[in-house]
């Protein structure tokens, strides 16, 4: 990736969880990604009955060279996907509450690393 290329992010939501708010959630996911400096490549939508949700999501992350994932809440993620996604991405960010889950601990600005 060169300096001119944007960082690609994916959105992910389960339409059965977002319900009538899915268009609002999609708009907020795009706005949040843009605010964090990412270009939202696509918003992946599944339901609870979508087969192979984890494999499908990981495949899209890899094919689109995504570096981040944005979701409305952690409940939208397949339980089996969290560790695999954090291994593939720089982070997963939720809208509600707005929080980023990073694959590695972030050291404090001053002082010794927290893992020592």
C-alpha atoms as a PDB file:
ATOM      1  CA  UNK A   1       0.000   0.000   0.000  1.00  0.00           C
ATOM      2  CA  UNK A   2       1.369   3.394  -0.934  1.00  0.00           C
ATOM      3  CA  UNK A   3       0.854   6.700   0.827  1.00  0.00           C
ATOM      4  CA  UNK A   4      -1.774   7.705  -1.758  1.00  0.00           C
ATOM      5  CA  UNK A   5      -3.915   4.605  -1.298  1.00  0.00           C
ATOM      6  CA  UNK A   6      -6.647   4.869   1.324  1.00  0.00           C
ATOM      7  CA  UNK A   7      -6.944   2.409   4.170  1.00  0.00           C
ATOM      8  CA  UNK A   8      -9.872   0.120   3.382  1.00  0.00           C
ATOM      9  CA  UNK A   9     -12.400  -0.817   6.015  1.00  0.00           C
ATOM     10  CA  UNK A  10     -15.406  -3.090   5.895  1.00  0.00           C
ATOM     11  CA  UNK A  11     -18.661  -2.680   7.700  1.00  0.00           C
ATOM     12  CA  UNK A  12     -20.530  -5.685   9.038  1.00  0.00           C
ATOM     13  CA  UNK A  13     -24.012  -6.007  10.424  1.00  0.00           C
ATOM     14  CA  UNK A  14     -26.650  -8.586  11.027  1.00  0.00           C
ATOM     15  CA  UNK A  15     -29.851  -7.258   9.568  1.00  0.00           C
ATOM     16  CA  UNK A  16     -31.915  -9.315  11.999  1.00  0.00           C
ATOM     17  CA  UNK A  17     -30.256  -7.421  14.885  1.00  0.00           C
ATOM     18  CA  UNK A  18     -30.360  -3.961  13.289  1.00  0.00           C
ATOM     19  CA  UNK A  19     -33.949  -4.419  12.143  1.00  0.00           C
ATOM     20  CA  UNK A  20     -35.568  -1.176  11.036  1.00  0.00           C
ATOM     21  CA  UNK A  21     -32.427   0.764  12.007  1.00  0.00           C
ATOM     22  CA  UNK A  22     -30.215  -1.006   9.445  1.00  0.00           C
ATOM     23  CA  UNK A  23     -30.078   1.962   7.043  1.00  0.00           C
ATOM     24  CA  UNK A  24     -29.243   4.279   9.942  1.00  0.00           C
ATOM     25  CA  UNK A  25     -26.605   1.834  11.193  1.00  0.00           C
ATOM     26  CA  UNK A  26     -25.085   1.619   7.688  1.00  0.00           C
ATOM     27  CA  UNK A  27     -24.919   5.411   7.431  1.00  0.00           C
ATOM     28  CA  UNK A  28     -23.318   5.703  10.883  1.00  0.00           C
ATOM     29  CA  UNK A  29     -20.796   2.932  10.079  1.00  0.00           C
ATOM     30  CA  UNK A  30     -19.696   4.795   6.949  1.00  0.00           C
ATOM     31  CA  UNK A  31     -19.438   8.113   8.824  1.00  0.00           C
ATOM     32  CA  UNK A  32     -17.426   6.551  11.662  1.00  0.00           C
ATOM     33  CA  UNK A  33     -15.032   4.843   9.244  1.00  0.00           C
ATOM     34  CA  UNK A  34     -14.523   8.124   7.385  1.00  0.00           C
ATOM     35  CA  UNK A  35     -13.908   9.975  10.647  1.00  0.00           C
ATOM     36  CA  UNK A  36     -11.212   7.424  11.539  1.00  0.00           C
ATOM     37  CA  UNK A  37      -9.598   7.937   8.111  1.00  0.00           C
ATOM     38  CA  UNK A  38     -10.775   4.766   6.369  1.00  0.00           C
ATOM     39  CA  UNK A  39     -12.515   4.263   3.060  1.00  0.00           C
ATOM     40  CA  UNK A  40     -15.513   1.979   3.618  1.00  0.00           C
ATOM     41  CA  UNK A  41     -15.260  -0.668   0.918  1.00  0.00           C
ATOM     42  CA  UNK A  42     -18.505  -2.484   1.577  1.00  0.00           C
ATOM     43  CA  UNK A  43     -20.975  -3.230   4.328  1.00  0.00           C
ATOM     44  CA  UNK A  44     -21.453  -6.967   4.646  1.00  0.00           C
ATOM     45  CA  UNK A  45     -24.923  -8.004   5.780  1.00  0.00           C
ATOM     46  CA  UNK A  46     -25.901 -11.353   7.203  1.00  0.00           C
ATOM     47  CA  UNK A  47     -28.701 -12.780   9.322  1.00  0.00           C
ATOM     48  CA  UNK A  48     -28.506 -15.326  12.107  1.00  0.00           C
ATOM     49  CA  UNK A  49     -29.358 -18.028   9.549  1.00  0.00           C
ATOM     50  CA  UNK A  50     -26.621 -17.096   7.032  1.00  0.00           C
ATOM     51  CA  UNK A  51     -24.389 -20.167   6.678  1.00  0.00           C
ATOM     52  CA  UNK A  52     -20.614 -19.832   7.166  1.00  0.00           C
ATOM     53  CA  UNK A  53     -20.776 -16.248   8.438  1.00  0.00           C
ATOM     54  CA  UNK A  54     -17.242 -16.326   9.833  1.00  0.00           C
ATOM     55  CA  UNK A  55     -15.657 -17.850   6.717  1.00  0.00           C
ATOM     56  CA  UNK A  56     -17.574 -15.458   4.469  1.00  0.00           C
ATOM     57  CA  UNK A  57     -16.521 -12.405   6.481  1.00  0.00           C
ATOM     58  CA  UNK A  58     -12.863 -13.452   6.666  1.00  0.00           C
ATOM     59  CA  UNK A  59     -12.839 -14.146   2.934  1.00  0.00           C
ATOM     60  CA  UNK A  60     -14.130 -10.646   2.202  1.00  0.00           C
ATOM     61  CA  UNK A  61     -11.609  -9.063   4.584  1.00  0.00           C
ATOM     62  CA  UNK A  62      -8.799 -10.794   2.711  1.00  0.00           C
ATOM     63  CA  UNK A  63     -10.129 -10.182  -0.819  1.00  0.00           C
ATOM     64  CA  UNK A  64     -10.721  -6.479  -0.188  1.00  0.00           C
ATOM     65  CA  UNK A  65      -7.430  -6.023   1.717  1.00  0.00           C
ATOM     66  CA  UNK A  66      -9.382  -4.470   4.576  1.00  0.00           C
ATOM     67  CA  UNK A  67      -7.411  -3.296   7.570  1.00  0.00           C
ATOM     68  CA  UNK A  68     -10.348  -2.472   9.858  1.00  0.00           C
ATOM     69  CA  UNK A  69     -13.903  -3.591  10.532  1.00  0.00           C
ATOM     70  CA  UNK A  70     -16.779  -1.448  11.799  1.00  0.00           C
ATOM     71  CA  UNK A  71     -19.854  -2.999  13.441  1.00  0.00           C
ATOM     72  CA  UNK A  72     -22.896  -1.552  15.239  1.00  0.00           C
ATOM     73  CA  UNK A  73     -22.246  -3.662  18.386  1.00  0.00           C
ATOM     74  CA  UNK A  74     -20.105  -6.666  19.274  1.00  0.00           C
ATOM     75  CA  UNK A  75     -23.278  -8.793  19.225  1.00  0.00           C
ATOM     76  CA  UNK A  76     -23.275  -8.480  15.435  1.00  0.00           C
ATOM     77  CA  UNK A  77     -20.025 -10.457  15.131  1.00  0.00           C
ATOM     78  CA  UNK A  78     -20.100 -14.244  14.857  1.00  0.00           C
ATOM     79  CA  UNK A  79     -18.690 -15.597  18.131  1.00  0.00           C
ATOM     80  CA  UNK A  80     -16.126 -17.659  16.250  1.00  0.00           C
ATOM     81  CA  UNK A  81     -14.893 -14.666  14.243  1.00  0.00           C
ATOM     82  CA  UNK A  82     -13.498 -12.324  16.885  1.00  0.00           C
ATOM     83  CA  UNK A  83     -10.042 -13.870  17.351  1.00  0.00           C
ATOM     84  CA  UNK A  84      -9.643 -14.566  13.644  1.00  0.00           C
ATOM     85  CA  UNK A  85     -10.654 -11.011  12.740  1.00  0.00           C
ATOM     86  CA  UNK A  86      -8.273  -9.450  15.228  1.00  0.00           C
ATOM     87  CA  UNK A  87      -5.475 -11.570  13.762  1.00  0.00           C
ATOM     88  CA  UNK A  88      -6.280 -10.222  10.276  1.00  0.00           C
ATOM     89  CA  UNK A  89      -7.128  -6.582  11.059  1.00  0.00           C
ATOM     90  CA  UNK A  90      -5.671  -3.549  12.796  1.00  0.00           C
ATOM     91  CA  UNK A  91      -8.865  -3.377  14.835  1.00  0.00           C
ATOM     92  CA  UNK A  92     -12.608  -3.817  15.134  1.00  0.00           C
ATOM     93  CA  UNK A  93     -14.591  -0.689  16.027  1.00  0.00           C
ATOM     94  CA  UNK A  94     -18.119  -0.621  17.409  1.00  0.00           C
ATOM     95  CA  UNK A  95     -20.669   2.182  17.159  1.00  0.00           C
ATOM     96  CA  UNK A  96     -22.491   1.417  20.409  1.00  0.00           C
ATOM     97  CA  UNK A  97     -20.447   2.073  22.491  1.00  0.00           C
ATOM     98  CA  UNK A  98     -17.794   3.648  20.288  1.00  0.00           C
ATOM     99  CA  UNK A  99     -14.804   1.480  21.092  1.00  0.00           C
ATOM    100  CA  UNK A 100     -11.925  -0.074  19.159  1.00  0.00           C
ATOM    101  CA  UNK A 101     -10.672  -3.568  19.907  1.00  0.00           C
ATOM    102  CA  UNK A 102      -7.034  -3.891  18.858  1.00  0.00           C
ATOM    103  CA  UNK A 103      -5.155  -7.148  18.240  1.00  0.00           C
ATOM    104  CA  UNK A 104      -2.328  -6.132  20.563  1.00  0.00           C
ATOM    105  CA  UNK A 105      -2.067  -4.116  23.801  1.00  0.00           C
ATOM    106  CA  UNK A 106      -1.508  -0.408  23.367  1.00  0.00           C
ATOM    107  CA  UNK A 107       1.362   0.761  25.619  1.00  0.00           C
ATOM    108  CA  UNK A 108       0.775   3.846  27.770  1.00  0.00           C
ATOM    109  CA  UNK A 109       2.109   7.174  26.498  1.00  0.00           C
ATOM    110  CA  UNK A 110       4.591   7.364  29.373  1.00  0.00           C
ATOM    111  CA  UNK A 111       6.149   4.842  31.674  1.00  0.00           C
ATOM    112  CA  UNK A 112       6.925   1.150  31.244  1.00  0.00           C
ATOM    113  CA  UNK A 113       4.784  -1.103  29.058  1.00  0.00           C
ATOM    114  CA  UNK A 114       1.793  -2.541  30.911  1.00  0.00           C
ATOM    115  CA  UNK A 115       2.816  -6.125  30.105  1.00  0.00           C
ATOM    116  CA  UNK A 116       6.093  -5.969  32.071  1.00  0.00           C
END
